[in-house]
C-alpha atoms as a PDB file:
ATOM      1  CA  UNK A   1      15.137 -38.263 100.227  1.00  0.00           C
ATOM      2  CA  UNK A   2      18.870 -37.769 100.776  1.00  0.00           C
ATOM      3  CA  UNK A   3      19.593 -39.274  97.459  1.00  0.00           C
ATOM      4  CA  UNK A   4      17.282 -36.708  95.650  1.00  0.00           C
ATOM      5  CA  UNK A   5      19.088 -33.905  97.387  1.00  0.00           C
ATOM      6  CA  UNK A   6      22.563 -35.046  96.492  1.00  0.00           C
ATOM      7  CA  UNK A   7      21.932 -35.553  92.753  1.00  0.00           C
ATOM      8  CA  UNK A   8      21.948 -31.850  91.856  1.00  0.00           C
ATOM      9  CA  UNK A   9      25.218 -31.406  93.843  1.00  0.00           C
ATOM     10  CA  UNK A  10      26.858 -34.359  92.100  1.00  0.00           C
ATOM     11  CA  UNK A  11      26.011 -33.012  88.724  1.00  0.00           C
ATOM     12  CA  UNK A  12      27.305 -29.479  89.548  1.00  0.00           C
ATOM     13  CA  UNK A  13      30.553 -31.191  90.676  1.00  0.00           C
ATOM     14  CA  UNK A  14      30.864 -33.191  87.572  1.00  0.00           C
ATOM     15  CA  UNK A  15      30.632 -30.032  85.462  1.00  0.00           C
ATOM     16  CA  UNK A  16      33.035 -27.943  87.639  1.00  0.00           C
ATOM     17  CA  UNK A  17      35.862 -30.630  87.809  1.00  0.00           C
ATOM     18  CA  UNK A  18      36.739 -30.847  84.176  1.00  0.00           C
ATOM     19  CA  UNK A  19      36.880 -27.086  83.828  1.00  0.00           C
ATOM     20  CA  UNK A  20      39.257 -26.844  86.825  1.00  0.00           C
ATOM     21  CA  UNK A  21      41.424 -29.764  85.620  1.00  0.00           C
ATOM     22  CA  UNK A  22      41.580 -28.053  82.174  1.00  0.00           C
ATOM     23  CA  UNK A  23      42.644 -24.699  83.693  1.00  0.00           C
ATOM     24  CA  UNK A  24      45.460 -26.434  85.696  1.00  0.00           C
ATOM     25  CA  UNK A  25      46.854 -28.018  82.520  1.00  0.00           C
ATOM     26  CA  UNK A  26      47.334 -24.894  80.644  1.00  0.00           C
ATOM     27  CA  UNK A  27      50.030 -22.233  80.263  1.00  0.00           C
ATOM     28  CA  UNK A  28      49.114 -18.640  79.340  1.00  0.00           C
ATOM     29  CA  UNK A  29      51.503 -15.816  78.619  1.00  0.00           C
ATOM     30  CA  UNK A  30      50.733 -12.148  77.915  1.00  0.00           C
ATOM     31  CA  UNK A  31      53.287 -10.665  75.421  1.00  0.00           C
ATOM     32  CA  UNK A  32      54.574  -7.137  75.439  1.00  0.00           C
ATOM     33  CA  UNK A  33      55.094  -7.360  71.738  1.00  0.00           C
ATOM     34  CA  UNK A  34      52.137  -9.062  69.801  1.00  0.00           C
ATOM     35  CA  UNK A  35      53.020 -12.138  67.802  1.00  0.00           C
ATOM     36  CA  UNK A  36      51.071 -14.574  65.534  1.00  0.00           C
ATOM     37  CA  UNK A  37      52.922 -17.853  65.596  1.00  0.00           C
ATOM     38  CA  UNK A  38      52.986 -21.411  66.646  1.00  0.00           C
ATOM     39  CA  UNK A  39      56.320 -22.675  68.000  1.00  0.00           C
ATOM     40  CA  UNK A  40      57.680 -25.457  70.121  1.00  0.00           C
ATOM     41  CA  UNK A  41      59.158 -24.036  73.277  1.00  0.00           C
ATOM     42  CA  UNK A  42      60.655 -26.615  75.918  1.00  0.00           C
ATOM     43  CA  UNK A  43      58.895 -29.463  74.177  1.00  0.00           C
ATOM     44  CA  UNK A  44      55.610 -27.598  74.374  1.00  0.00           C
ATOM     45  CA  UNK A  45      53.519 -26.326  71.477  1.00  0.00           C
ATOM     46  CA  UNK A  46      52.712 -22.677  71.984  1.00  0.00           C
ATOM     47  CA  UNK A  47      50.052 -20.856  69.951  1.00  0.00           C
ATOM     48  CA  UNK A  48      50.108 -17.120  69.823  1.00  0.00           C
ATOM     49  CA  UNK A  49      47.640 -14.606  68.547  1.00  0.00           C
ATOM     50  CA  UNK A  50      48.107 -10.966  69.209  1.00  0.00           C
ATOM     51  CA  UNK A  51      49.324 -10.374  72.869  1.00  0.00           C
ATOM     52  CA  UNK A  52      48.511 -13.741  74.232  1.00  0.00           C
ATOM     53  CA  UNK A  53      49.873 -17.328  74.043  1.00  0.00           C
ATOM     54  CA  UNK A  54      48.744 -20.652  75.255  1.00  0.00           C
ATOM     55  CA  UNK A  55      50.034 -24.109  75.552  1.00  0.00           C
ATOM     56  CA  UNK A  56      48.894 -27.363  77.161  1.00  0.00           C
ATOM     57  CA  UNK A  57      50.938 -27.941  80.328  1.00  0.00           C
ATOM     58  CA  UNK A  58      52.249 -31.488  79.933  1.00  0.00           C
ATOM     59  CA  UNK A  59      55.932 -31.318  80.988  1.00  0.00           C
ATOM     60  CA  UNK A  60      57.723 -31.326  84.315  1.00  0.00           C
ATOM     61  CA  UNK A  61      59.956 -28.233  83.683  1.00  0.00           C
ATOM     62  CA  UNK A  62      59.802 -25.667  86.549  1.00  0.00           C
ATOM     63  CA  UNK A  63      57.424 -22.949  85.669  1.00  0.00           C
ATOM     64  CA  UNK A  64      59.913 -20.257  85.955  1.00  0.00           C
ATOM     65  CA  UNK A  65      62.122 -22.078  83.361  1.00  0.00           C
ATOM     66  CA  UNK A  66      59.202 -22.388  80.986  1.00  0.00           C
ATOM     67  CA  UNK A  67      58.512 -18.610  81.394  1.00  0.00           C
ATOM     68  CA  UNK A  68      62.043 -17.761  80.589  1.00  0.00           C
ATOM     69  CA  UNK A  69      62.042 -20.004  77.463  1.00  0.00           C
ATOM     70  CA  UNK A  70      58.870 -18.308  76.318  1.00  0.00           C
ATOM     71  CA  UNK A  71      60.511 -14.909  76.737  1.00  0.00           C
ATOM     72  CA  UNK A  72      63.624 -16.041  74.863  1.00  0.00           C
ATOM     73  CA  UNK A  73      61.281 -17.129  71.859  1.00  0.00           C
ATOM     74  CA  UNK A  74      58.581 -14.344  71.981  1.00  0.00           C
ATOM     75  CA  UNK A  75      59.994 -11.337  74.005  1.00  0.00           C
ATOM     76  CA  UNK A  76      59.079 -10.123  77.328  1.00  0.00           C
ATOM     77  CA  UNK A  77      55.949 -11.246  79.065  1.00  0.00           C
ATOM     78  CA  UNK A  78      53.421  -8.979  80.901  1.00  0.00           C
ATOM     79  CA  UNK A  79      51.705 -11.880  82.436  1.00  0.00           C
ATOM     80  CA  UNK A  80      52.267 -15.737  82.836  1.00  0.00           C
ATOM     81  CA  UNK A  81      49.945 -18.293  84.210  1.00  0.00           C
ATOM     82  CA  UNK A  82      50.931 -21.984  84.837  1.00  0.00           C
ATOM     83  CA  UNK A  83      47.895 -23.888  85.754  1.00  0.00           C
ATOM     84  CA  UNK A  84      46.207 -22.307  88.748  1.00  0.00           C
ATOM     85  CA  UNK A  85      49.334 -20.361  89.477  1.00  0.00           C
ATOM     86  CA  UNK A  86      49.506 -16.803  88.328  1.00  0.00           C
ATOM     87  CA  UNK A  87      52.968 -15.131  88.460  1.00  0.00           C
ATOM     88  CA  UNK A  88      53.077 -11.947  90.469  1.00  0.00           C
ATOM     89  CA  UNK A  89      55.113  -8.846  89.443  1.00  0.00           C
ATOM     90  CA  UNK A  90      58.399  -9.980  91.004  1.00  0.00           C
ATOM     91  CA  UNK A  91      58.030 -13.426  89.322  1.00  0.00           C
ATOM     92  CA  UNK A  92      57.503 -11.713  85.979  1.00  0.00           C
ATOM     93  CA  UNK A  93      60.463  -9.533  86.506  1.00  0.00           C
ATOM     94  CA  UNK A  94      62.640 -12.595  87.479  1.00  0.00           C
ATOM     95  CA  UNK A  95      61.350 -14.507  84.439  1.00  0.00           C
ATOM     96  CA  UNK A  96      62.140 -11.507  81.966  1.00  0.00           C
ATOM     97  CA  UNK A  97      65.564 -11.015  83.499  1.00  0.00           C
ATOM     98  CA  UNK A  98      66.440 -14.772  83.434  1.00  0.00           C
ATOM     99  CA  UNK A  99      65.688 -14.952  79.728  1.00  0.00           C
ATOM    100  CA  UNK A 100      68.154 -11.986  79.050  1.00  0.00           C
ATOM    101  CA  UNK A 101      70.866 -13.859  81.066  1.00  0.00           C
ATOM    102  CA  UNK A 102      70.244 -17.290  79.402  1.00  0.00           C
END
């Protein structure tokens, strides 16, 4: 009886885990100025369409450095997500400012 009750729970978990793992492996950036391009930024292939860009998160660079590198290539960002971490307003300001200094 317990085995029958666990099967639906296990199947739901099997569906949820790949989606969560995929989200944690992505970068997403919102751009202040729309762009349509595919560029390599810090050894990562970014694809942009309109005001959003995405890339597979494979490197070990600190997220703030990746954000600043994106700003240097595409211009200021309005949002930045690294895996499950969404940058807050202070982090976005720091990212945009770091790109101007670097």
